[in-house]
Amino acid sequence: MRMLLGWVINALCLLALPYVLQAVQITDFVTALVVALVLGLLNTVIRPVLLVLTLPINLLTLGLFTFVINGLLFWLVARFVDGFSVTSFGWAIVAAIVYSLISWAVSALVMPRKD
């Protein structure tokens, strides 16, 4: 149940993103659910591989290259999912950062950690 709630929260955060950044466009809630699912799958499967492959440059940039990897995955999802678009790769990096901040804040408020 917690995973489904997280999925819906991420979709709602994606719907809020065009109001914060005009470079991001999303058509409806169903598209937001698909984007949240695809983005979650890419972050689970491909992101760790990319982090290992780019470890030397990530070490040289003190971890800042991780933002580029997150932006790349965000931009990749925008290229494959109809109804979701980002104007450029630079805006995809910014959108990935803003999306993660919004998602983190909302998730912390709605689903507090059980310690």
PDB file of N, CA and C in Angstrom:
ATOM      1  N   MET A   1       0.823  -1.195   0.000  1.00  0.00           N
ATOM      2  CA  MET A   1       0.000   0.000   0.000  1.00  0.00           C
ATOM      3  C   MET A   1       0.868   1.259   0.000  1.00  0.00           C
ATOM      4  N   ARG A   2       1.965   1.192   0.738  1.00  0.00           N
ATOM      5  CA  ARG A   2       2.877   2.336   0.815  1.00  0.00           C
ATOM      6  C   ARG A   2       3.504   2.640  -0.542  1.00  0.00           C
ATOM      7  N   MET A   3       3.787   1.589  -1.327  1.00  0.00           N
ATOM      8  CA  MET A   3       4.381   1.789  -2.639  1.00  0.00           C
ATOM      9  C   MET A   3       3.372   2.445  -3.595  1.00  0.00           C
ATOM     10  N   LEU A   4       2.110   2.047  -3.521  1.00  0.00           N
ATOM     11  CA  LEU A   4       1.081   2.664  -4.349  1.00  0.00           C
ATOM     12  C   LEU A   4       0.868   4.132  -3.985  1.00  0.00           C
ATOM     13  N   LEU A   5       0.909   4.429  -2.702  1.00  0.00           N
ATOM     14  CA  LEU A   5       0.779   5.807  -2.254  1.00  0.00           C
ATOM     15  C   LEU A   5       1.956   6.641  -2.745  1.00  0.00           C
ATOM     16  N   GLY A   6       3.147   6.081  -2.698  1.00  0.00           N
ATOM     17  CA  GLY A   6       4.328   6.774  -3.217  1.00  0.00           C
ATOM     18  C   GLY A   6       4.224   7.035  -4.709  1.00  0.00           C
ATOM     19  N   TRP A   7       3.670   6.068  -5.435  1.00  0.00           N
ATOM     20  CA  TRP A   7       3.489   6.224  -6.882  1.00  0.00           C
ATOM     21  C   TRP A   7       2.516   7.370  -7.187  1.00  0.00           C
ATOM     22  N   VAL A   8       1.412   7.427  -6.459  1.00  0.00           N
ATOM     23  CA  VAL A   8       0.428   8.497  -6.661  1.00  0.00           C
ATOM     24  C   VAL A   8       1.012   9.847  -6.252  1.00  0.00           C
ATOM     25  N   ILE A   9       1.775   9.879  -5.174  1.00  0.00           N
ATOM     26  CA  ILE A   9       2.409  11.128  -4.744  1.00  0.00           C
ATOM     27  C   ILE A   9       3.374  11.622  -5.815  1.00  0.00           C
ATOM     28  N   ASN A  10       4.171  10.729  -6.385  1.00  0.00           N
ATOM     29  CA  ASN A  10       5.098  11.127  -7.439  1.00  0.00           C
ATOM     30  C   ASN A  10       4.354  11.629  -8.668  1.00  0.00           C
ATOM     31  N   ALA A  11       3.232  11.005  -9.002  1.00  0.00           N
ATOM     32  CA  ALA A  11       2.435  11.467 -10.138  1.00  0.00           C
ATOM     33  C   ALA A  11       1.859  12.858  -9.869  1.00  0.00           C
ATOM     34  N   LEU A  12       1.394  13.095  -8.664  1.00  0.00           N
ATOM     35  CA  LEU A  12       0.869  14.419  -8.323  1.00  0.00           C
ATOM     36  C   LEU A  12       1.969  15.480  -8.338  1.00  0.00           C
ATOM     37  N   CYS A  13       3.156  15.095  -7.905  1.00  0.00           N
ATOM     38  CA  CYS A  13       4.287  16.025  -7.960  1.00  0.00           C
ATOM     39  C   CYS A  13       4.668  16.336  -9.409  1.00  0.00           C
ATOM     40  N   LEU A  14       4.537  15.357 -10.280  1.00  0.00           N
ATOM     41  CA  LEU A  14       4.777  15.608 -11.703  1.00  0.00           C
ATOM     42  C   LEU A  14       3.732  16.563 -12.268  1.00  0.00           C
ATOM     43  N   LEU A  15       2.489  16.455 -11.807  1.00  0.00           N
ATOM     44  CA  LEU A  15       1.457  17.382 -12.256  1.00  0.00           C
ATOM     45  C   LEU A  15       1.708  18.801 -11.757  1.00  0.00           C
ATOM     46  N   ALA A  16       2.364  18.950 -10.628  1.00  0.00           N
ATOM     47  CA  ALA A  16       2.671  20.276 -10.087  1.00  0.00           C
ATOM     48  C   ALA A  16       3.880  20.905 -10.772  1.00  0.00           C
ATOM     49  N   LEU A  17       4.706  20.102 -11.393  1.00  0.00           N
ATOM     50  CA  LEU A  17       5.953  20.589 -11.985  1.00  0.00           C
ATOM     51  C   LEU A  17       5.757  21.645 -13.067  1.00  0.00           C
ATOM     52  N   PRO A  18       4.775  21.540 -13.982  1.00  0.00           N
ATOM     53  CA  PRO A  18       4.598  22.601 -14.983  1.00  0.00           C
ATOM     54  C   PRO A  18       4.228  23.959 -14.393  1.00  0.00           C
ATOM     55  N   TYR A  19       3.669  23.984 -13.192  1.00  0.00           N
ATOM     56  CA  TYR A  19       3.345  25.251 -12.550  1.00  0.00           C
ATOM     57  C   TYR A  19       4.593  25.925 -11.991  1.00  0.00           C
ATOM     58  N   VAL A  20       5.619  25.133 -11.708  1.00  0.00           N
ATOM     59  CA  VAL A  20       6.870  25.672 -11.196  1.00  0.00           C
ATOM     60  C   VAL A  20       7.814  26.003 -12.346  1.00  0.00           C
ATOM     61  N   LEU A  21       7.906  25.123 -13.326  1.00  0.00           N
ATOM     62  CA  LEU A  21       8.778  25.302 -14.493  1.00  0.00           C
ATOM     63  C   LEU A  21       7.938  25.236 -15.763  1.00  0.00           C
ATOM     64  N   GLN A  22       7.947  26.297 -16.537  1.00  0.00           N
ATOM     65  CA  GLN A  22       7.170  26.294 -17.770  1.00  0.00           C
ATOM     66  C   GLN A  22       7.820  25.470 -18.868  1.00  0.00           C
ATOM     67  N   ALA A  23       9.037  25.017 -18.666  1.00  0.00           N
ATOM     68  CA  ALA A  23       9.729  24.199 -19.657  1.00  0.00           C
ATOM     69  C   ALA A  23       9.231  22.764 -19.665  1.00  0.00           C
ATOM     70  N   VAL A  24       8.441  22.399 -18.666  1.00  0.00           N
ATOM     71  CA  VAL A  24       7.899  21.038 -18.561  1.00  0.00           C
ATOM     72  C   VAL A  24       6.406  21.092 -18.847  1.00  0.00           C
ATOM     73  N   GLN A  25       5.945  20.169 -19.684  1.00  0.00           N
ATOM     74  CA  GLN A  25       4.524  20.071 -20.002  1.00  0.00           C
ATOM     75  C   GLN A  25       4.051  18.637 -19.785  1.00  0.00           C
ATOM     76  N   ILE A  26       2.900  18.487 -19.160  1.00  0.00           N
ATOM     77  CA  ILE A  26       2.299  17.169 -18.960  1.00  0.00           C
ATOM     78  C   ILE A  26       0.786  17.318 -19.162  1.00  0.00           C
ATOM     79  N   THR A  27       0.192  16.362 -19.854  1.00  0.00           N
ATOM     80  CA  THR A  27      -1.191  16.551 -20.284  1.00  0.00           C
ATOM     81  C   THR A  27      -2.223  16.222 -19.208  1.00  0.00           C
ATOM     82  N   ASP A  28      -2.126  15.058 -18.578  1.00  0.00           N
ATOM     83  CA  ASP A  28      -3.170  14.659 -17.639  1.00  0.00           C
ATOM     84  C   ASP A  28      -2.607  13.737 -16.563  1.00  0.00           C
ATOM     85  N   PHE A  29      -3.497  13.305 -15.669  1.00  0.00           N
ATOM     86  CA  PHE A  29      -3.083  12.483 -14.532  1.00  0.00           C
ATOM     87  C   PHE A  29      -2.626  11.092 -14.962  1.00  0.00           C
ATOM     88  N   VAL A  30      -3.265  10.527 -15.970  1.00  0.00           N
ATOM     89  CA  VAL A  30      -2.868   9.198 -16.445  1.00  0.00           C
ATOM     90  C   VAL A  30      -1.447   9.244 -17.007  1.00  0.00           C
ATOM     91  N   THR A  31      -1.138  10.303 -17.753  1.00  0.00           N
ATOM     92  CA  THR A  31       0.232  10.471 -18.258  1.00  0.00           C
ATOM     93  C   THR A  31       1.211  10.623 -17.106  1.00  0.00           C
ATOM     94  N   ALA A  32       0.813  11.354 -16.069  1.00  0.00           N
ATOM     95  CA  ALA A  32       1.672  11.517 -14.894  1.00  0.00           C
ATOM     96  C   ALA A  32       1.920  10.180 -14.208  1.00  0.00           C
ATOM     97  N   LEU A  33       0.893   9.326 -14.144  1.00  0.00           N
ATOM     98  CA  LEU A  33       1.085   7.994 -13.559  1.00  0.00           C
ATOM     99  C   LEU A  33       2.056   7.160 -14.391  1.00  0.00           C
ATOM    100  N   VAL A  34       1.931   7.225 -15.717  1.00  0.00           N
ATOM    101  CA  VAL A  34       2.836   6.478 -16.594  1.00  0.00           C
ATOM    102  C   VAL A  34       4.266   7.004 -16.457  1.00  0.00           C
ATOM    103  N   VAL A  35       4.420   8.322 -16.440  1.00  0.00           N
ATOM    104  CA  VAL A  35       5.754   8.918 -16.307  1.00  0.00           C
ATOM    105  C   VAL A  35       6.372   8.538 -14.966  1.00  0.00           C
ATOM    106  N   ALA A  36       5.590   8.581 -13.890  1.00  0.00           N
ATOM    107  CA  ALA A  36       6.105   8.205 -12.569  1.00  0.00           C
ATOM    108  C   ALA A  36       6.542   6.748 -12.550  1.00  0.00           C
ATOM    109  N   LEU A  37       5.767   5.884 -13.196  1.00  0.00           N
ATOM    110  CA  LEU A  37       6.124   4.467 -13.255  1.00  0.00           C
ATOM    111  C   LEU A  37       7.396   4.246 -14.068  1.00  0.00           C
ATOM    112  N   VAL A  38       7.475   4.830 -15.257  1.00  0.00           N
ATOM    113  CA  VAL A  38       8.652   4.653 -16.114  1.00  0.00           C
ATOM    114  C   VAL A  38       9.883   5.268 -15.457  1.00  0.00           C
ATOM    115  N   LEU A  39       9.726   6.446 -14.874  1.00  0.00           N
ATOM    116  CA  LEU A  39      10.858   7.086 -14.199  1.00  0.00           C
ATOM    117  C   LEU A  39      11.336   6.258 -13.006  1.00  0.00           C
ATOM    118  N   GLY A  40      10.406   5.690 -12.273  1.00  0.00           N
ATOM    119  CA  GLY A  40      10.779   4.822 -11.155  1.00  0.00           C
ATOM    120  C   GLY A  40      11.504   3.570 -11.617  1.00  0.00           C
ATOM    121  N   LEU A  41      11.036   2.970 -12.711  1.00  0.00           N
ATOM    122  CA  LEU A  41      11.707   1.778 -13.248  1.00  0.00           C
ATOM    123  C   LEU A  41      13.103   2.104 -13.764  1.00  0.00           C
ATOM    124  N   LEU A  42      13.237   3.226 -14.473  1.00  0.00           N
ATOM    125  CA  LEU A  42      14.562   3.618 -14.965  1.00  0.00           C
ATOM    126  C   LEU A  42      15.512   3.924 -13.807  1.00  0.00           C
ATOM    127  N   ASN A  43      14.999   4.588 -12.779  1.00  0.00           N
ATOM    128  CA  ASN A  43      15.843   4.888 -11.621  1.00  0.00           C
ATOM    129  C   ASN A  43      16.240   3.627 -10.862  1.00  0.00           C
ATOM    130  N   THR A  44      15.414   2.601 -10.936  1.00  0.00           N
ATOM    131  CA  THR A  44      15.730   1.347 -10.250  1.00  0.00           C
ATOM    132  C   THR A  44      16.696   0.488 -11.045  1.00  0.00           C
ATOM    133  N   VAL A  45      16.543   0.455 -12.369  1.00  0.00           N
ATOM    134  CA  VAL A  45      17.321  -0.472 -13.191  1.00  0.00           C
ATOM    135  C   VAL A  45      18.538   0.185 -13.831  1.00  0.00           C
ATOM    136  N   ILE A  46      18.352   1.311 -14.494  1.00  0.00           N
ATOM    137  CA  ILE A  46      19.428   1.898 -15.303  1.00  0.00           C
ATOM    138  C   ILE A  46      20.318   2.847 -14.508  1.00  0.00           C
ATOM    139  N   ARG A  47      19.755   3.598 -13.570  1.00  0.00           N
ATOM    140  CA  ARG A  47      20.537   4.592 -12.829  1.00  0.00           C
ATOM    141  C   ARG A  47      21.741   3.991 -12.090  1.00  0.00           C
ATOM    142  N   PRO A  48      21.589   2.843 -11.405  1.00  0.00           N
ATOM    143  CA  PRO A  48      22.782   2.287 -10.738  1.00  0.00           C
ATOM    144  C   PRO A  48      23.887   1.905 -11.725  1.00  0.00           C
ATOM    145  N   VAL A  49      23.504   1.398 -12.890  1.00  0.00           N
ATOM    146  CA  VAL A  49      24.502   1.045 -13.899  1.00  0.00           C
ATOM    147  C   VAL A  49      25.220   2.303 -14.388  1.00  0.00           C
ATOM    148  N   LEU A  50      24.454   3.361 -14.644  1.00  0.00           N
ATOM    149  CA  LEU A  50      25.061   4.616 -15.078  1.00  0.00           C
ATOM    150  C   LEU A  50      25.973   5.212 -14.009  1.00  0.00           C
ATOM    151  N   LEU A  51      25.580   5.097 -12.764  1.00  0.00           N
ATOM    152  CA  LEU A  51      26.420   5.616 -11.683  1.00  0.00           C
ATOM    153  C   LEU A  51      27.745   4.871 -11.586  1.00  0.00           C
ATOM    154  N   VAL A  52      27.708   3.564 -11.787  1.00  0.00           N
ATOM    155  CA  VAL A  52      28.955   2.783 -11.754  1.00  0.00           C
ATOM    156  C   VAL A  52      29.828   3.112 -12.961  1.00  0.00           C
ATOM    157  N   LEU A  53      29.203   3.227 -14.132  1.00  0.00           N
ATOM    158  CA  LEU A  53      29.973   3.515 -15.339  1.00  0.00           C
ATOM    159  C   LEU A  53      30.595   4.907 -15.326  1.00  0.00           C
ATOM    160  N   THR A  54      29.944   5.849 -14.686  1.00  0.00           N
ATOM    161  CA  THR A  54      30.456   7.218 -14.637  1.00  0.00           C
ATOM    162  C   THR A  54      31.132   7.537 -13.303  1.00  0.00           C
ATOM    163  N   LEU A  55      31.529   6.534 -12.581  1.00  0.00           N
ATOM    164  CA  LEU A  55      32.140   6.750 -11.265  1.00  0.00           C
ATOM    165  C   LEU A  55      33.379   7.652 -11.309  1.00  0.00           C
ATOM    166  N   PRO A  56      34.294   7.481 -12.278  1.00  0.00           N
ATOM    167  CA  PRO A  56      35.459   8.383 -12.285  1.00  0.00           C
ATOM    168  C   PRO A  56      35.085   9.861 -12.447  1.00  0.00           C
ATOM    169  N   ILE A  57      34.201  10.170 -13.379  1.00  0.00           N
ATOM    170  CA  ILE A  57      33.811  11.573 -13.560  1.00  0.00           C
ATOM    171  C   ILE A  57      32.970  12.066 -12.386  1.00  0.00           C
ATOM    172  N   ASN A  58      32.224  11.162 -11.777  1.00  0.00           N
ATOM    173  CA  ASN A  58      31.441  11.530 -10.602  1.00  0.00           C
ATOM    174  C   ASN A  58      32.360  11.861  -9.426  1.00  0.00           C
ATOM    175  N   LEU A  59      33.434  11.124  -9.292  1.00  0.00           N
ATOM    176  CA  LEU A  59      34.402  11.431  -8.235  1.00  0.00           C
ATOM    177  C   LEU A  59      35.109  12.755  -8.500  1.00  0.00           C
ATOM    178  N   LEU A  60      35.445  13.004  -9.761  1.00  0.00           N
ATOM    179  CA  LEU A  60      36.125  14.260 -10.109  1.00  0.00           C
ATOM    180  C   LEU A  60      35.232  15.480  -9.862  1.00  0.00           C
ATOM    181  N   THR A  61      33.954  15.328 -10.068  1.00  0.00           N
ATOM    182  CA  THR A  61      33.024  16.448  -9.864  1.00  0.00           C
ATOM    183  C   THR A  61      32.406  16.444  -8.468  1.00  0.00           C
ATOM    184  N   LEU A  62      32.916  15.582  -7.598  1.00  0.00           N
ATOM    185  CA  LEU A  62      32.443  15.477  -6.213  1.00  0.00           C
ATOM    186  C   LEU A  62      30.949  15.158  -6.136  1.00  0.00           C
ATOM    187  N   GLY A  63      30.482  14.330  -7.055  1.00  0.00           N
ATOM    188  CA  GLY A  63      29.105  13.866  -7.039  1.00  0.00           C
ATOM    189  C   GLY A  63      28.125  14.716  -7.813  1.00  0.00           C
ATOM    190  N   LEU A  64      28.572  15.846  -8.348  1.00  0.00           N
ATOM    191  CA  LEU A  64      27.653  16.722  -9.062  1.00  0.00           C
ATOM    192  C   LEU A  64      27.201  16.133 -10.399  1.00  0.00           C
ATOM    193  N   PHE A  65      27.961  15.190 -10.939  1.00  0.00           N
ATOM    194  CA  PHE A  65      27.565  14.564 -12.202  1.00  0.00           C
ATOM    195  C   PHE A  65      26.305  13.724 -12.026  1.00  0.00           C
ATOM    196  N   THR A  66      25.948  13.399 -10.803  1.00  0.00           N
ATOM    197  CA  THR A  66      24.713  12.677 -10.534  1.00  0.00           C
ATOM    198  C   THR A  66      23.502  13.485 -10.992  1.00  0.00           C
ATOM    199  N   PHE A  67      23.586  14.815 -10.882  1.00  0.00           N
ATOM    200  CA  PHE A  67      22.501  15.664 -11.373  1.00  0.00           C
ATOM    201  C   PHE A  67      22.330  15.507 -12.879  1.00  0.00           C
ATOM    202  N   VAL A  68      23.436  15.360 -13.594  1.00  0.00           N
ATOM    203  CA  VAL A  68      23.379  15.164 -15.043  1.00  0.00           C
ATOM    204  C   VAL A  68      22.729  13.815 -15.365  1.00  0.00           C
ATOM    205  N   ILE A  69      23.060  12.793 -14.614  1.00  0.00           N
ATOM    206  CA  ILE A  69      22.458  11.470 -14.833  1.00  0.00           C
ATOM    207  C   ILE A  69      20.952  11.525 -14.560  1.00  0.00           C
ATOM    208  N   ASN A  70      20.551  12.189 -13.480  1.00  0.00           N
ATOM    209  CA  ASN A  70      19.120  12.326 -13.183  1.00  0.00           C
ATOM    210  C   ASN A  70      18.406  13.099 -14.287  1.00  0.00           C
ATOM    211  N   GLY A  71      19.032  14.166 -14.768  1.00  0.00           N
ATOM    212  CA  GLY A  71      18.458  14.934 -15.868  1.00  0.00           C
ATOM    213  C   GLY A  71      18.368  14.123 -17.146  1.00  0.00           C
ATOM    214  N   LEU A  72      19.373  13.283 -17.392  1.00  0.00           N
ATOM    215  CA  LEU A  72      19.359  12.426 -18.576  1.00  0.00           C
ATOM    216  C   LEU A  72      18.191  11.450 -18.536  1.00  0.00           C
ATOM    217  N   LEU A  73      17.958  10.841 -17.393  1.00  0.00           N
ATOM    218  CA  LEU A  73      16.838   9.912 -17.262  1.00  0.00           C
ATOM    219  C   LEU A  73      15.503  10.637 -17.389  1.00  0.00           C
ATOM    220  N   PHE A  74      15.411  11.824 -16.821  1.00  0.00           N
ATOM    221  CA  PHE A  74      14.190  12.624 -16.925  1.00  0.00           C
ATOM    222  C   PHE A  74      13.925  12.997 -18.375  1.00  0.00           C
ATOM    223  N   TRP A  75      14.960  13.422 -19.089  1.00  0.00           N
ATOM    224  CA  TRP A  75      14.847  13.791 -20.495  1.00  0.00           C
ATOM    225  C   TRP A  75      14.505  12.580 -21.355  1.00  0.00           C
ATOM    226  N   LEU A  76      15.078  11.421 -21.013  1.00  0.00           N
ATOM    227  CA  LEU A  76      14.804  10.190 -21.748  1.00  0.00           C
ATOM    228  C   LEU A  76      13.330   9.795 -21.628  1.00  0.00           C
ATOM    229  N   VAL A  77      12.781   9.914 -20.435  1.00  0.00           N
ATOM    230  CA  VAL A  77      11.362   9.609 -20.238  1.00  0.00           C
ATOM    231  C   VAL A  77      10.499  10.586 -21.035  1.00  0.00           C
ATOM    232  N   ALA A  78      10.901  11.854 -21.074  1.00  0.00           N
ATOM    233  CA  ALA A  78      10.138  12.848 -21.834  1.00  0.00           C
ATOM    234  C   ALA A  78      10.158  12.548 -23.329  1.00  0.00           C
ATOM    235  N   ARG A  79      11.213  11.920 -23.814  1.00  0.00           N
ATOM    236  CA  ARG A  79      11.297  11.577 -25.241  1.00  0.00           C
ATOM    237  C   ARG A  79      10.435  10.373 -25.599  1.00  0.00           C
ATOM    238  N   PHE A  80      10.209   9.473 -24.650  1.00  0.00           N
ATOM    239  CA  PHE A  80       9.501   8.233 -24.948  1.00  0.00           C
ATOM    240  C   PHE A  80       8.020   8.244 -24.601  1.00  0.00           C
ATOM    241  N   VAL A  81       7.600   9.055 -23.649  1.00  0.00           N
ATOM    242  CA  VAL A  81       6.206   9.050 -23.205  1.00  0.00           C
ATOM    243  C   VAL A  81       5.462  10.211 -23.869  1.00  0.00           C
ATOM    244  N   ASP A  82       4.399   9.884 -24.588  1.00  0.00           N
ATOM    245  CA  ASP A  82       3.568  10.914 -25.215  1.00  0.00           C
ATOM    246  C   ASP A  82       2.797  11.680 -24.149  1.00  0.00           C
ATOM    247  N   GLY A  83       2.685  12.983 -24.339  1.00  0.00           N
ATOM    248  CA  GLY A  83       1.971  13.816 -23.389  1.00  0.00           C
ATOM    249  C   GLY A  83       2.863  14.400 -22.313  1.00  0.00           C
ATOM    250  N   PHE A  84       4.150  14.099 -22.361  1.00  0.00           N
ATOM    251  CA  PHE A  84       5.108  14.619 -21.390  1.00  0.00           C
ATOM    252  C   PHE A  84       6.296  15.153 -22.163  1.00  0.00           C
ATOM    253  N   SER A  85       6.641  16.420 -21.951  1.00  0.00           N
ATOM    254  CA  SER A  85       7.746  17.002 -22.709  1.00  0.00           C
ATOM    255  C   SER A  85       8.552  17.964 -21.848  1.00  0.00           C
ATOM    256  N   VAL A  86       9.825  18.043 -22.184  1.00  0.00           N
ATOM    257  CA  VAL A  86      10.752  18.989 -21.576  1.00  0.00           C
ATOM    258  C   VAL A  86      11.448  19.690 -22.732  1.00  0.00           C
ATOM    259  N   THR A  87      11.601  21.009 -22.655  1.00  0.00           N
ATOM    260  CA  THR A  87      12.078  21.761 -23.811  1.00  0.00           C
ATOM    261  C   THR A  87      13.529  21.457 -24.182  1.00  0.00           C
ATOM    262  N   SER A  88      14.394  21.213 -23.201  1.00  0.00           N
ATOM    263  CA  SER A  88      15.804  20.944 -23.520  1.00  0.00           C
ATOM    264  C   SER A  88      16.436  20.093 -22.424  1.00  0.00           C
ATOM    265  N   PHE A  89      17.645  19.639 -22.695  1.00  0.00           N
ATOM    266  CA  PHE A  89      18.347  18.804 -21.725  1.00  0.00           C
ATOM    267  C   PHE A  89      18.701  19.595 -20.462  1.00  0.00           C
ATOM    268  N   GLY A  90      19.062  20.855 -20.631  1.00  0.00           N
ATOM    269  CA  GLY A  90      19.371  21.697 -19.470  1.00  0.00           C
ATOM    270  C   GLY A  90      18.166  21.859 -18.558  1.00  0.00           C
ATOM    271  N   TRP A  91      17.009  22.070 -19.171  1.00  0.00           N
ATOM    272  CA  TRP A  91      15.795  22.169 -18.370  1.00  0.00           C
ATOM    273  C   TRP A  91      15.425  20.835 -17.750  1.00  0.00           C
ATOM    274  N   ALA A  92      15.814  19.734 -18.383  1.00  0.00           N
ATOM    275  CA  ALA A  92      15.557  18.416 -17.802  1.00  0.00           C
ATOM    276  C   ALA A  92      16.350  18.235 -16.513  1.00  0.00           C
ATOM    277  N   ILE A  93      17.571  18.742 -16.479  1.00  0.00           N
ATOM    278  CA  ILE A  93      18.375  18.674 -15.251  1.00  0.00           C
ATOM    279  C   ILE A  93      17.714  19.487 -14.143  1.00  0.00           C
ATOM    280  N   VAL A  94      17.300  20.709 -14.485  1.00  0.00           N
ATOM    281  CA  VAL A  94      16.632  21.569 -13.498  1.00  0.00           C
ATOM    282  C   VAL A  94      15.314  20.930 -13.051  1.00  0.00           C
ATOM    283  N   ALA A  95      14.552  20.395 -14.005  1.00  0.00           N
ATOM    284  CA  ALA A  95      13.264  19.779 -13.673  1.00  0.00           C
ATOM    285  C   ALA A  95      13.447  18.557 -12.781  1.00  0.00           C
ATOM    286  N   ALA A  96      14.491  17.763 -13.033  1.00  0.00           N
ATOM    287  CA  ALA A  96      14.750  16.594 -12.194  1.00  0.00           C
ATOM    288  C   ALA A  96      15.075  17.017 -10.762  1.00  0.00           C
ATOM    289  N   ILE A  97      15.810  18.091 -10.613  1.00  0.00           N
ATOM    290  CA  ILE A  97      16.147  18.583  -9.270  1.00  0.00           C
ATOM    291  C   ILE A  97      14.893  19.097  -8.563  1.00  0.00           C
ATOM    292  N   VAL A  98      14.110  19.917  -9.257  1.00  0.00           N
ATOM    293  CA  VAL A  98      12.891  20.474  -8.655  1.00  0.00           C
ATOM    294  C   VAL A  98      11.896  19.367  -8.342  1.00  0.00           C
ATOM    295  N   TYR A  99      11.749  18.407  -9.258  1.00  0.00           N
ATOM    296  CA  TYR A  99      10.836  17.280  -9.037  1.00  0.00           C
ATOM    297  C   TYR A  99      11.245  16.471  -7.813  1.00  0.00           C
ATOM    298  N   SER A 100      12.532  16.211  -7.672  1.00  0.00           N
ATOM    299  CA  SER A 100      12.971  15.428  -6.520  1.00  0.00           C
ATOM    300  C   SER A 100      12.757  16.186  -5.216  1.00  0.00           C
ATOM    301  N   LEU A 101      12.936  17.509  -5.233  1.00  0.00           N
ATOM    302  CA  LEU A 101      12.696  18.300  -4.023  1.00  0.00           C
ATOM    303  C   LEU A 101      11.212  18.323  -3.649  1.00  0.00           C
ATOM    304  N   ILE A 102      10.345  18.526  -4.644  1.00  0.00           N
ATOM    305  CA  ILE A 102       8.900  18.531  -4.377  1.00  0.00           C
ATOM    306  C   ILE A 102       8.448  17.160  -3.884  1.00  0.00           C
ATOM    307  N   SER A 103       8.912  16.114  -4.556  1.00  0.00           N
ATOM    308  CA  SER A 103       8.525  14.754  -4.189  1.00  0.00           C
ATOM    309  C   SER A 103       9.013  14.401  -2.788  1.00  0.00           C
ATOM    310  N   TRP A 104      10.225  14.794  -2.460  1.00  0.00           N
ATOM    311  CA  TRP A 104      10.767  14.520  -1.137  1.00  0.00           C
ATOM    312  C   TRP A 104       9.944  15.237  -0.060  1.00  0.00           C
ATOM    313  N   ALA A 105       9.617  16.514  -0.290  1.00  0.00           N
ATOM    314  CA  ALA A 105       8.880  17.282   0.706  1.00  0.00           C
ATOM    315  C   ALA A 105       7.469  16.725   0.922  1.00  0.00           C
ATOM    316  N   VAL A 106       6.784  16.423  -0.172  1.00  0.00           N
ATOM    317  CA  VAL A 106       5.419  15.902  -0.049  1.00  0.00           C
ATOM    318  C   VAL A 106       5.432  14.516   0.587  1.00  0.00           C
ATOM    319  N   SER A 107       6.372  13.676   0.190  1.00  0.00           N
ATOM    320  CA  SER A 107       6.454  12.340   0.784  1.00  0.00           C
ATOM    321  C   SER A 107       6.775  12.402   2.266  1.00  0.00           C
ATOM    322  N   ALA A 108       7.609  13.339   2.666  1.00  0.00           N
ATOM    323  CA  ALA A 108       7.939  13.482   4.085  1.00  0.00           C
ATOM    324  C   ALA A 108       6.726  13.935   4.896  1.00  0.00           C
ATOM    325  N   LEU A 109       5.865  14.750   4.274  1.00  0.00           N
ATOM    326  CA  LEU A 109       4.675  15.195   4.987  1.00  0.00           C
ATOM    327  C   LEU A 109       3.586  14.125   5.030  1.00  0.00           C
ATOM    328  N   VAL A 110       3.396  13.412   3.933  1.00  0.00           N
ATOM    329  CA  VAL A 110       2.286  12.470   3.851  1.00  0.00           C
ATOM    330  C   VAL A 110       2.653  11.108   4.435  1.00  0.00           C
ATOM    331  N   MET A 111       3.869  10.658   4.168  1.00  0.00           N
ATOM    332  CA  MET A 111       4.287   9.328   4.624  1.00  0.00           C
ATOM    333  C   MET A 111       5.505   9.443   5.546  1.00  0.00           C
ATOM    334  N   PRO A 112       5.299   9.820   6.801  1.00  0.00           N
ATOM    335  CA  PRO A 112       6.445   9.921   7.716  1.00  0.00           C
ATOM    336  C   PRO A 112       7.087   8.551   7.935  1.00  0.00           C
ATOM    337  N   ARG A 113       8.395   8.569   8.163  1.00  0.00           N
ATOM    338  CA  ARG A 113       9.126   7.321   8.368  1.00  0.00           C
ATOM    339  C   ARG A 113       8.770   6.706   9.703  1.00  0.00           C
ATOM    340  N   LYS A 114       8.724   5.386   9.702  1.00  0.00           N
ATOM    341  CA  LYS A 114       8.475   4.647  10.937  1.00  0.00           C
ATOM    342  C   LYS A 114       9.817   4.166  11.465  1.00  0.00           C
ATOM    343  N   ASP A 115      10.231   4.695  12.592  1.00  0.00           N
ATOM    344  CA  ASP A 115      11.523   4.276  13.180  1.00  0.00           C
ATOM    345  C   ASP A 115      11.335   3.370  14.349  1.00  0.00           C
TER     346      ASP A 115
END
